[in-house]
Amino acid sequence: MKKTIQLLLIAIIALCIVSCGVLKNYTAPKDELVIRKKVDMDKEKTQPTKILSNDKKEEIKKSSNSNYQRPTNLSNREYEKYLVEHYSTIMNTPPTYVKNNLDLYKFIDVWYGTPYRYGGLSQNGIDCSGFAKTLYNDVYHVEITREGNAQFNECDVIEKDDMQEGDLLFFKIGSRHISHVAVYIGNGKFVHAASSKGVMISDLSEVYYKRYYFKAGRPKNK
């Protein structure tokens, strides 16, 4: 009897050893692997998705505006193609709109990002009325005066609905006098030398500019 029990125990131990060896080298069937993969994918789907906040999006947008890098080593044809693609995106207009005004956008691209400097008139620094004067000189070959209030006095006042590319925009920011000048470039947008970021493109629908917008004018000698 005792011998029988010993043989039975030996058989049970041997069976356990064999079973462990089988489990160790076990490879899951293909169907089982598919099921496991599906379960893992379902787990991933339940994980929360990270969404950028509006503040973060605005931060990225401002950063890209302030760190504009002009392309280099392009042929004239490649550069013009770049201008059309780049500025039609910013302007939210068909490419032909920019293509038909290439002299204007070449000028804007050269000056884009130039720092603001009160009284400045070069690419080391320029102010808003100086930028408007330089643009008129180089793009339209028209001489306008240097100072904002004088520029306004030399213009015919234009209603917002009648504004055209090249009209001057005047703002009164914390003053009863003209304190900021910009050049309208179409589709609600204008180019200017902003005291905060230098030469850039902005939109009249922005709260800040809607608040301080005064009038639009067209130089009488344009």
Protein backbone atom coordinates (compact mmCIF):
# COMPACT_ATOMS: atom_id res chain seq x y z
CA MET A 1 0.00 0.00 0.00
CA LYS A 2 2.79 2.38 1.03
CA LYS A 3 4.67 1.55 -2.15
CA THR A 4 1.55 2.27 -4.23
CA ILE A 5 1.15 5.74 -2.66
CA GLN A 6 4.80 6.55 -3.38
CA LEU A 7 4.41 5.55 -7.04
CA LEU A 8 1.27 7.70 -7.26
CA LEU A 9 3.12 10.76 -5.85
CA ILE A 10 6.01 10.24 -8.29
CA ALA A 11 3.52 10.11 -11.18
CA ILE A 12 1.81 13.34 -10.05
CA ILE A 13 5.17 15.19 -9.74
CA ALA A 14 6.24 14.01 -13.20
CA LEU A 15 2.94 15.18 -14.68
CA CYS A 16 3.40 18.67 -13.14
CA ILE A 17 6.92 18.98 -14.55
CA VAL A 18 5.73 18.07 -18.07
CA SER A 19 2.80 20.51 -17.84
CA CYS A 20 5.05 23.38 -16.78
CA GLY A 21 7.36 22.72 -19.71
CA VAL A 22 4.45 22.77 -22.13
CA LEU A 23 3.09 26.07 -20.74
CA LYS A 24 6.51 27.67 -20.85
CA ASN A 25 6.81 27.00 -24.60
CA TYR A 26 3.15 27.69 -25.34
CA THR A 27 2.40 29.79 -28.44
CA ALA A 28 -1.05 31.32 -28.63
CA PRO A 29 -3.19 30.30 -31.59
CA LYS A 30 -3.62 32.92 -34.31
CA ASP A 31 -7.26 33.55 -33.37
CA GLU A 32 -6.28 34.18 -29.78
CA LEU A 33 -3.60 36.69 -30.85
CA VAL A 34 -6.16 38.59 -32.93
CA ILE A 35 -8.50 38.76 -29.95
CA ARG A 36 -5.73 40.06 -27.68
CA LYS A 37 -4.77 42.74 -30.24
CA LYS A 38 -8.37 43.86 -30.49
CA VAL A 39 -8.62 44.13 -26.71
CA ASP A 40 -5.43 46.25 -26.61
CA MET A 41 -6.79 48.56 -29.34
CA ASP A 42 -10.06 48.96 -27.46
CA LYS A 43 -8.09 49.97 -24.37
CA GLU A 44 -6.23 52.63 -26.38
CA LYS A 45 -9.51 54.02 -27.68
CA THR A 46 -10.72 54.54 -24.15
CA GLN A 47 -7.66 56.66 -23.23
CA PRO A 48 -8.40 60.42 -23.08
CA THR A 49 -7.24 62.42 -26.15
CA LYS A 50 -5.09 65.48 -25.50
CA ILE A 51 -6.67 68.59 -27.05
CA LEU A 52 -4.81 71.91 -27.36
CA SER A 53 -6.49 74.73 -25.51
CA ASN A 54 -7.44 77.90 -27.39
CA ASP A 55 -4.73 79.76 -25.47
CA LYS A 56 -2.12 77.23 -26.63
CA LYS A 57 -3.31 77.49 -30.26
CA GLU A 58 -3.09 81.29 -30.07
CA GLU A 59 0.38 81.03 -28.54
CA ILE A 60 1.55 78.86 -31.45
CA LYS A 61 -0.04 81.22 -33.95
CA LYS A 62 1.64 84.27 -32.39
CA SER A 63 4.95 82.46 -32.23
CA SER A 64 4.81 81.60 -35.93
CA ASN A 65 3.95 85.21 -36.77
CA SER A 66 6.80 86.67 -34.75
CA ASN A 67 9.42 84.16 -35.96
CA TYR A 68 8.82 84.37 -39.68
CA GLN A 69 11.73 83.00 -41.67
CA ARG A 70 12.05 84.25 -45.23
CA PRO A 71 13.10 81.47 -47.66
CA THR A 72 16.51 81.73 -49.26
CA ASN A 73 18.31 80.26 -52.28
CA LEU A 74 15.20 80.24 -54.47
CA SER A 75 15.10 81.18 -58.11
CA ASN A 76 12.92 84.17 -58.98
CA ARG A 77 10.22 81.84 -60.30
CA GLU A 78 10.33 79.65 -57.17
CA TYR A 79 10.20 82.72 -54.93
CA GLU A 80 7.16 84.12 -56.71
CA LYS A 81 5.44 80.74 -56.40
CA TYR A 82 6.24 80.75 -52.68
CA LEU A 83 4.83 84.28 -52.29
CA VAL A 84 1.58 83.26 -53.98
CA GLU A 85 1.14 80.15 -51.83
CA HIS A 86 2.23 81.75 -48.55
CA TYR A 87 0.29 85.01 -48.75
CA SER A 88 -2.87 83.63 -50.34
CA THR A 89 -3.04 81.36 -47.27
CA ILE A 90 -2.59 84.30 -44.88
CA MET A 91 -5.02 86.44 -46.86
CA ASN A 92 -7.52 83.61 -47.30
CA THR A 93 -7.87 84.52 -50.97
CA PRO A 94 -7.46 82.67 -54.28
CA PRO A 95 -3.80 82.49 -55.41
CA THR A 96 -4.56 84.79 -58.36
CA TYR A 97 -5.28 87.64 -55.92
CA VAL A 98 -1.69 87.61 -54.69
CA LYS A 99 -0.29 86.79 -58.14
CA ASN A 100 -1.89 89.96 -59.55
CA ASN A 101 -0.28 92.06 -56.79
CA LEU A 102 3.20 90.54 -56.66
CA ASP A 103 5.01 93.88 -56.30
CA LEU A 104 3.02 94.56 -53.13
CA TYR A 105 3.68 91.14 -51.62
CA LYS A 106 7.37 91.20 -52.51
CA PHE A 107 7.57 94.47 -50.59
CA ILE A 108 5.63 93.05 -47.64
CA ASP A 109 7.81 89.95 -47.56
CA VAL A 110 11.03 91.98 -47.50
CA TRP A 111 9.77 94.12 -44.62
CA TYR A 112 7.83 91.46 -42.69
CA GLY A 113 9.11 91.20 -39.13
CA THR A 114 11.07 94.47 -39.24
CA PRO A 115 11.05 95.79 -35.65
CA TYR A 116 9.05 98.85 -34.67
CA ARG A 117 11.02 101.98 -33.84
CA TYR A 118 9.42 105.36 -33.34
CA GLY A 119 10.80 107.78 -35.92
CA GLY A 120 12.56 104.93 -37.75
CA LEU A 121 12.58 104.67 -41.51
CA SER A 122 14.77 101.65 -42.27
CA GLN A 123 14.83 97.88 -41.82
CA ASN A 124 16.65 98.38 -38.55
CA GLY A 125 13.39 99.81 -37.24
CA ILE A 126 10.38 101.68 -38.63
CA ASP A 127 7.19 103.23 -37.30
CA CYS A 128 3.66 102.96 -38.70
CA SER A 129 3.47 106.18 -40.72
CA GLY A 130 7.02 105.69 -41.96
CA PHE A 131 6.11 102.20 -43.16
CA ALA A 132 3.02 103.51 -44.99
CA LYS A 133 5.13 106.22 -46.64
CA THR A 134 7.82 103.72 -47.70
CA LEU A 135 5.25 101.27 -49.09
CA TYR A 136 3.60 104.03 -51.16
CA ASN A 137 6.97 105.14 -52.44
CA ASP A 138 8.25 101.68 -53.43
CA VAL A 139 5.05 99.94 -54.57
CA TYR A 140 2.82 102.70 -55.95
CA HIS A 141 5.57 105.25 -56.75
CA VAL A 142 3.51 107.90 -54.99
CA GLU A 143 4.94 110.40 -52.52
CA ILE A 144 2.90 110.89 -49.34
CA THR A 145 3.76 112.88 -46.26
CA ARG A 146 5.52 111.40 -43.23
CA GLU A 147 3.22 112.02 -40.24
CA GLY A 148 -0.08 110.23 -39.53
CA ASN A 149 -2.39 113.21 -39.04
CA ALA A 150 -0.94 114.89 -42.14
CA GLN A 151 -1.46 111.68 -44.11
CA PHE A 152 -5.13 111.65 -43.08
CA ASN A 153 -5.55 115.29 -44.14
CA GLU A 154 -4.18 114.43 -47.59
CA CYS A 155 -6.79 111.68 -48.11
CA ASP A 156 -10.34 111.43 -49.36
CA VAL A 157 -12.34 109.58 -46.70
CA ILE A 158 -13.51 106.14 -47.88
CA GLU A 159 -16.38 104.10 -46.45
CA LYS A 160 -15.48 100.64 -45.16
CA ASP A 161 -17.52 98.92 -47.87
CA ASP A 162 -15.65 100.85 -50.57
CA MET A 163 -12.11 100.17 -49.36
CA GLN A 164 -9.60 99.00 -51.94
CA GLU A 165 -6.12 97.54 -51.74
CA GLY A 166 -3.73 100.39 -50.98
CA ASP A 167 -6.12 102.60 -48.98
CA LEU A 168 -4.79 103.92 -45.69
CA LEU A 169 -6.42 102.96 -42.40
CA PHE A 170 -6.32 105.32 -39.45
CA PHE A 171 -6.71 104.46 -35.79
CA LYS A 172 -7.11 106.52 -32.64
CA ILE A 173 -5.61 104.50 -29.81
CA GLY A 174 -6.01 106.27 -26.49
CA SER A 175 -5.93 109.65 -28.24
CA ARG A 176 -8.15 112.16 -30.00
CA HIS A 177 -5.55 112.35 -32.74
CA ILE A 178 -4.45 109.76 -35.30
CA SER A 179 -2.08 107.46 -33.43
CA HIS A 180 -1.69 104.55 -35.85
CA VAL A 181 -1.63 104.12 -39.64
CA ALA A 182 -1.89 100.96 -41.71
CA VAL A 183 -2.26 100.00 -45.37
CA TYR A 184 -5.31 98.00 -46.42
CA ILE A 185 -4.47 94.96 -48.58
CA GLY A 186 -7.91 93.42 -49.10
CA ASN A 187 -10.26 90.85 -47.59
CA GLY A 188 -10.42 92.74 -44.29
CA LYS A 189 -6.65 92.59 -43.77
CA PHE A 190 -3.98 95.25 -43.52
CA VAL A 191 -0.21 95.48 -43.23
CA HIS A 192 1.38 97.80 -40.68
CA ALA A 193 4.27 98.39 -38.30
CA ALA A 194 2.77 97.43 -34.96
CA SER A 195 4.47 98.74 -31.84
CA SER A 196 4.28 95.25 -30.29
CA LYS A 197 5.66 93.08 -33.12
CA GLY A 198 6.89 95.27 -35.93
CA VAL A 199 5.75 94.82 -39.53
CA MET A 200 2.95 92.28 -39.75
CA ILE A 201 -0.46 91.52 -41.26
CA SER A 202 -3.57 91.95 -39.10
CA ASP A 203 -7.33 91.77 -39.56
CA LEU A 204 -9.90 94.52 -39.04
CA SER A 205 -12.20 92.00 -37.36
CA GLU A 206 -9.78 91.66 -34.43
CA VAL A 207 -11.35 93.14 -31.29
CA TYR A 208 -8.47 95.51 -30.61
CA TYR A 209 -8.51 97.08 -34.08
CA LYS A 210 -12.31 97.19 -34.27
CA ARG A 211 -12.27 99.18 -31.04
CA TYR A 212 -9.77 101.81 -32.17
CA TYR A 213 -10.50 102.00 -35.90
CA PHE A 214 -11.25 105.58 -36.99
CA LYS A 215 -11.51 105.94 -40.77
CA ALA A 216 -10.09 104.84 -44.10
CA GLY A 217 -8.65 107.25 -46.61
CA ARG A 218 -7.32 107.27 -50.16
CA PRO A 219 -4.46 109.69 -50.91
CA LYS A 220 -5.66 112.25 -53.41
CA ASN A 221 -2.56 111.82 -55.56
CA LYS A 222 -2.77 107.98 -55.70
